[in-house]
Amino acid sequence: YTGQVGYLTANIRIAQDIKVGDTLCLKGEEITPLPGFQHAKPMVFAGVYAVDQSENMALMSAIERLTLNDSSVSLTMES
């Protein structure tokens, strides 16, 4: 009801599975998105590589932490 406060916990293992603007609803319930809402489009692209190949795991970990803190960052792995 109006004015009530609560909290939500979810078993989300990969933060990239969630997008800004996602709607919570009951399972099986039909919903319609808000009119005019659009997902953010990437505007800046960067290729990031570790200077020392032994630091690749540390770089990947740091970038994953960044995506947890900033929803505007998206990540695509290349080889």
N, C-alpha and C. Protein backbone atom coordinates (compact mmCIF):
# COMPACT_ATOMS: atom_id res chain seq x y z
N TYR A 1 0.83 -1.19 0.00
CA TYR A 1 0.00 0.00 0.00
C TYR A 1 0.87 1.24 0.00
N THR A 2 0.29 2.36 -0.29
CA THR A 2 1.04 3.60 -0.34
C THR A 2 1.73 3.88 0.99
N GLY A 3 2.99 4.26 0.93
CA GLY A 3 3.75 4.60 2.12
C GLY A 3 4.47 3.45 2.77
N GLN A 4 4.18 2.22 2.37
CA GLN A 4 4.87 1.08 2.96
C GLN A 4 6.25 0.93 2.34
N VAL A 5 7.17 0.41 3.13
CA VAL A 5 8.54 0.20 2.69
C VAL A 5 8.88 -1.27 2.84
N GLY A 6 9.61 -1.80 1.89
CA GLY A 6 10.00 -3.20 1.96
C GLY A 6 11.33 -3.39 1.27
N TYR A 7 11.72 -4.63 1.14
CA TYR A 7 12.97 -4.92 0.44
C TYR A 7 12.78 -6.19 -0.38
N LEU A 8 13.67 -6.37 -1.31
CA LEU A 8 13.59 -7.49 -2.24
C LEU A 8 14.96 -8.15 -2.29
N THR A 9 14.98 -9.45 -2.25
CA THR A 9 16.22 -10.17 -2.49
C THR A 9 16.01 -11.07 -3.69
N ALA A 10 17.06 -11.23 -4.47
CA ALA A 10 16.96 -12.06 -5.67
C ALA A 10 18.23 -12.90 -5.78
N ASN A 11 18.10 -14.05 -6.35
CA ASN A 11 19.23 -14.95 -6.55
C ASN A 11 19.79 -14.72 -7.95
N ILE A 12 20.39 -13.56 -8.14
CA ILE A 12 20.94 -13.19 -9.44
C ILE A 12 22.44 -13.44 -9.39
N ARG A 13 22.90 -14.34 -10.22
CA ARG A 13 24.31 -14.71 -10.19
C ARG A 13 25.16 -13.88 -11.15
N ILE A 14 24.57 -13.36 -12.21
CA ILE A 14 25.31 -12.57 -13.19
C ILE A 14 24.63 -11.20 -13.30
N ALA A 15 25.35 -10.16 -12.90
CA ALA A 15 24.76 -8.82 -12.87
C ALA A 15 24.35 -8.33 -14.26
N GLN A 16 25.01 -8.82 -15.29
CA GLN A 16 24.68 -8.39 -16.65
C GLN A 16 23.33 -8.92 -17.12
N ASP A 17 22.72 -9.84 -16.37
CA ASP A 17 21.39 -10.35 -16.72
C ASP A 17 20.30 -9.32 -16.48
N ILE A 18 20.62 -8.27 -15.73
CA ILE A 18 19.65 -7.26 -15.36
C ILE A 18 19.93 -5.99 -16.15
N LYS A 19 18.90 -5.32 -16.59
CA LYS A 19 19.05 -4.06 -17.31
C LYS A 19 18.27 -2.97 -16.59
N VAL A 20 18.74 -1.74 -16.67
CA VAL A 20 18.01 -0.62 -16.10
C VAL A 20 16.65 -0.54 -16.77
N GLY A 21 15.61 -0.45 -15.97
CA GLY A 21 14.25 -0.38 -16.51
C GLY A 21 13.52 -1.70 -16.45
N ASP A 22 14.17 -2.78 -15.99
CA ASP A 22 13.47 -4.05 -15.84
C ASP A 22 12.33 -3.90 -14.85
N THR A 23 11.25 -4.63 -15.07
CA THR A 23 10.06 -4.55 -14.23
C THR A 23 9.89 -5.84 -13.46
N LEU A 24 9.60 -5.72 -12.18
CA LEU A 24 9.31 -6.89 -11.35
C LEU A 24 7.81 -7.17 -11.44
N CYS A 25 7.47 -8.44 -11.58
CA CYS A 25 6.06 -8.82 -11.64
C CYS A 25 5.90 -10.25 -11.14
N LEU A 26 4.69 -10.66 -10.94
CA LEU A 26 4.41 -12.03 -10.54
C LEU A 26 4.62 -12.95 -11.73
N LYS A 27 5.07 -14.16 -11.47
CA LYS A 27 5.32 -15.13 -12.52
C LYS A 27 4.02 -15.40 -13.29
N GLY A 28 4.11 -15.32 -14.61
CA GLY A 28 2.96 -15.58 -15.46
C GLY A 28 2.06 -14.38 -15.67
N GLU A 29 2.33 -13.27 -15.01
CA GLU A 29 1.50 -12.08 -15.13
C GLU A 29 1.88 -11.31 -16.40
N GLU A 30 0.90 -10.87 -17.15
CA GLU A 30 1.14 -10.09 -18.36
C GLU A 30 1.40 -8.64 -17.97
N ILE A 31 2.47 -8.07 -18.50
CA ILE A 31 2.77 -6.67 -18.23
C ILE A 31 3.07 -5.96 -19.54
N THR A 32 2.93 -4.65 -19.54
CA THR A 32 3.30 -3.86 -20.70
C THR A 32 4.34 -2.84 -20.24
N PRO A 33 5.37 -2.62 -21.04
CA PRO A 33 6.39 -1.65 -20.65
C PRO A 33 5.83 -0.23 -20.66
N LEU A 34 6.48 0.65 -19.91
CA LEU A 34 6.07 2.05 -19.90
C LEU A 34 6.22 2.63 -21.30
N PRO A 35 5.26 3.44 -21.72
CA PRO A 35 5.36 4.01 -23.07
C PRO A 35 6.56 4.95 -23.19
N GLY A 36 7.28 4.82 -24.28
CA GLY A 36 8.42 5.69 -24.54
C GLY A 36 9.73 5.22 -23.95
N PHE A 37 9.73 4.17 -23.12
CA PHE A 37 10.98 3.70 -22.52
C PHE A 37 11.83 3.00 -23.57
N GLN A 38 13.12 3.33 -23.59
CA GLN A 38 14.06 2.68 -24.49
C GLN A 38 15.32 2.34 -23.72
N HIS A 39 15.91 1.20 -24.03
CA HIS A 39 17.17 0.81 -23.39
C HIS A 39 18.29 1.74 -23.87
N ALA A 40 19.24 1.99 -23.00
CA ALA A 40 20.38 2.84 -23.34
C ALA A 40 21.22 2.19 -24.43
N LYS A 41 21.72 3.02 -25.33
CA LYS A 41 22.56 2.52 -26.41
C LYS A 41 24.01 2.92 -26.13
N PRO A 42 24.97 2.00 -26.35
CA PRO A 42 26.37 2.34 -26.13
C PRO A 42 26.81 3.47 -27.04
N MET A 43 27.60 4.39 -26.50
CA MET A 43 28.08 5.53 -27.29
C MET A 43 29.60 5.57 -27.38
N VAL A 44 30.30 4.98 -26.43
CA VAL A 44 31.76 4.98 -26.42
C VAL A 44 32.22 3.53 -26.40
N PHE A 45 33.13 3.20 -27.28
CA PHE A 45 33.64 1.84 -27.35
C PHE A 45 35.14 1.86 -27.08
N ALA A 46 35.62 0.88 -26.35
CA ALA A 46 37.04 0.81 -26.03
C ALA A 46 37.48 -0.64 -26.00
N GLY A 47 38.65 -0.90 -26.54
CA GLY A 47 39.27 -2.21 -26.43
C GLY A 47 40.29 -2.14 -25.31
N VAL A 48 40.16 -2.98 -24.30
CA VAL A 48 41.05 -2.93 -23.14
C VAL A 48 41.78 -4.26 -23.04
N TYR A 49 43.11 -4.17 -22.97
CA TYR A 49 43.94 -5.37 -22.89
C TYR A 49 44.98 -5.19 -21.79
N ALA A 50 45.32 -6.25 -21.12
CA ALA A 50 46.37 -6.21 -20.10
C ALA A 50 47.74 -6.19 -20.79
N VAL A 51 48.67 -5.40 -20.28
CA VAL A 51 50.01 -5.35 -20.84
C VAL A 51 50.71 -6.69 -20.62
N ASP A 52 50.56 -7.23 -19.41
CA ASP A 52 51.14 -8.53 -19.06
C ASP A 52 50.01 -9.56 -19.07
N GLN A 53 50.14 -10.60 -19.87
CA GLN A 53 49.09 -11.60 -20.02
C GLN A 53 48.73 -12.29 -18.71
N SER A 54 49.66 -12.30 -17.75
CA SER A 54 49.35 -12.93 -16.46
C SER A 54 48.36 -12.10 -15.65
N GLU A 55 48.12 -10.86 -16.05
CA GLU A 55 47.19 -9.97 -15.35
C GLU A 55 45.77 -9.99 -15.95
N ASN A 56 45.51 -10.87 -16.92
CA ASN A 56 44.20 -10.91 -17.57
C ASN A 56 43.06 -11.17 -16.58
N MET A 57 43.24 -12.09 -15.65
CA MET A 57 42.18 -12.40 -14.69
C MET A 57 41.90 -11.21 -13.77
N ALA A 58 42.95 -10.51 -13.36
CA ALA A 58 42.77 -9.32 -12.51
C ALA A 58 42.04 -8.23 -13.27
N LEU A 59 42.36 -8.05 -14.55
CA LEU A 59 41.67 -7.05 -15.38
C LEU A 59 40.20 -7.41 -15.54
N MET A 60 39.92 -8.67 -15.82
CA MET A 60 38.52 -9.10 -15.97
C MET A 60 37.74 -8.88 -14.68
N SER A 61 38.35 -9.19 -13.55
CA SER A 61 37.70 -8.99 -12.25
C SER A 61 37.41 -7.52 -12.00
N ALA A 62 38.36 -6.65 -12.33
CA ALA A 62 38.17 -5.21 -12.13
C ALA A 62 37.05 -4.67 -13.01
N ILE A 63 36.99 -5.12 -14.26
CA ILE A 63 35.93 -4.66 -15.17
C ILE A 63 34.57 -5.18 -14.71
N GLU A 64 34.50 -6.40 -14.22
CA GLU A 64 33.23 -6.93 -13.71
C GLU A 64 32.76 -6.14 -12.50
N ARG A 65 33.68 -5.73 -11.62
CA ARG A 65 33.30 -4.88 -10.48
C ARG A 65 32.78 -3.53 -10.95
N LEU A 66 33.38 -2.99 -12.02
CA LEU A 66 32.92 -1.72 -12.57
C LEU A 66 31.49 -1.86 -13.08
N THR A 67 31.18 -2.96 -13.75
CA THR A 67 29.83 -3.13 -14.28
C THR A 67 28.81 -3.30 -13.17
N LEU A 68 29.22 -3.78 -12.00
CA LEU A 68 28.31 -3.87 -10.86
C LEU A 68 27.96 -2.49 -10.32
N ASN A 69 28.92 -1.58 -10.35
CA ASN A 69 28.73 -0.24 -9.80
C ASN A 69 28.13 0.74 -10.78
N ASP A 70 28.28 0.51 -12.07
CA ASP A 70 27.83 1.47 -13.08
C ASP A 70 27.04 0.74 -14.15
N SER A 71 25.74 0.91 -14.14
CA SER A 71 24.88 0.19 -15.08
C SER A 71 25.01 0.69 -16.51
N SER A 72 25.70 1.82 -16.72
CA SER A 72 25.87 2.32 -18.08
C SER A 72 26.99 1.60 -18.82
N VAL A 73 27.78 0.81 -18.11
CA VAL A 73 28.88 0.08 -18.71
C VAL A 73 28.39 -1.28 -19.18
N SER A 74 28.64 -1.60 -20.44
CA SER A 74 28.33 -2.93 -20.94
C SER A 74 29.63 -3.60 -21.38
N LEU A 75 29.64 -4.89 -21.36
CA LEU A 75 30.87 -5.64 -21.58
C LEU A 75 30.65 -6.70 -22.64
N THR A 76 31.55 -6.74 -23.63
CA THR A 76 31.54 -7.77 -24.66
C THR A 76 32.94 -8.31 -24.76
N MET A 77 33.09 -9.60 -24.60
CA MET A 77 34.42 -10.22 -24.66
C MET A 77 34.81 -10.48 -26.12
N GLU A 78 36.06 -10.20 -26.44
CA GLU A 78 36.61 -10.48 -27.76
C GLU A 78 37.89 -11.28 -27.59
N SER A 79 38.29 -11.96 -28.65
CA SER A 79 39.56 -12.67 -28.58
C SER A 79 40.38 -12.39 -29.82
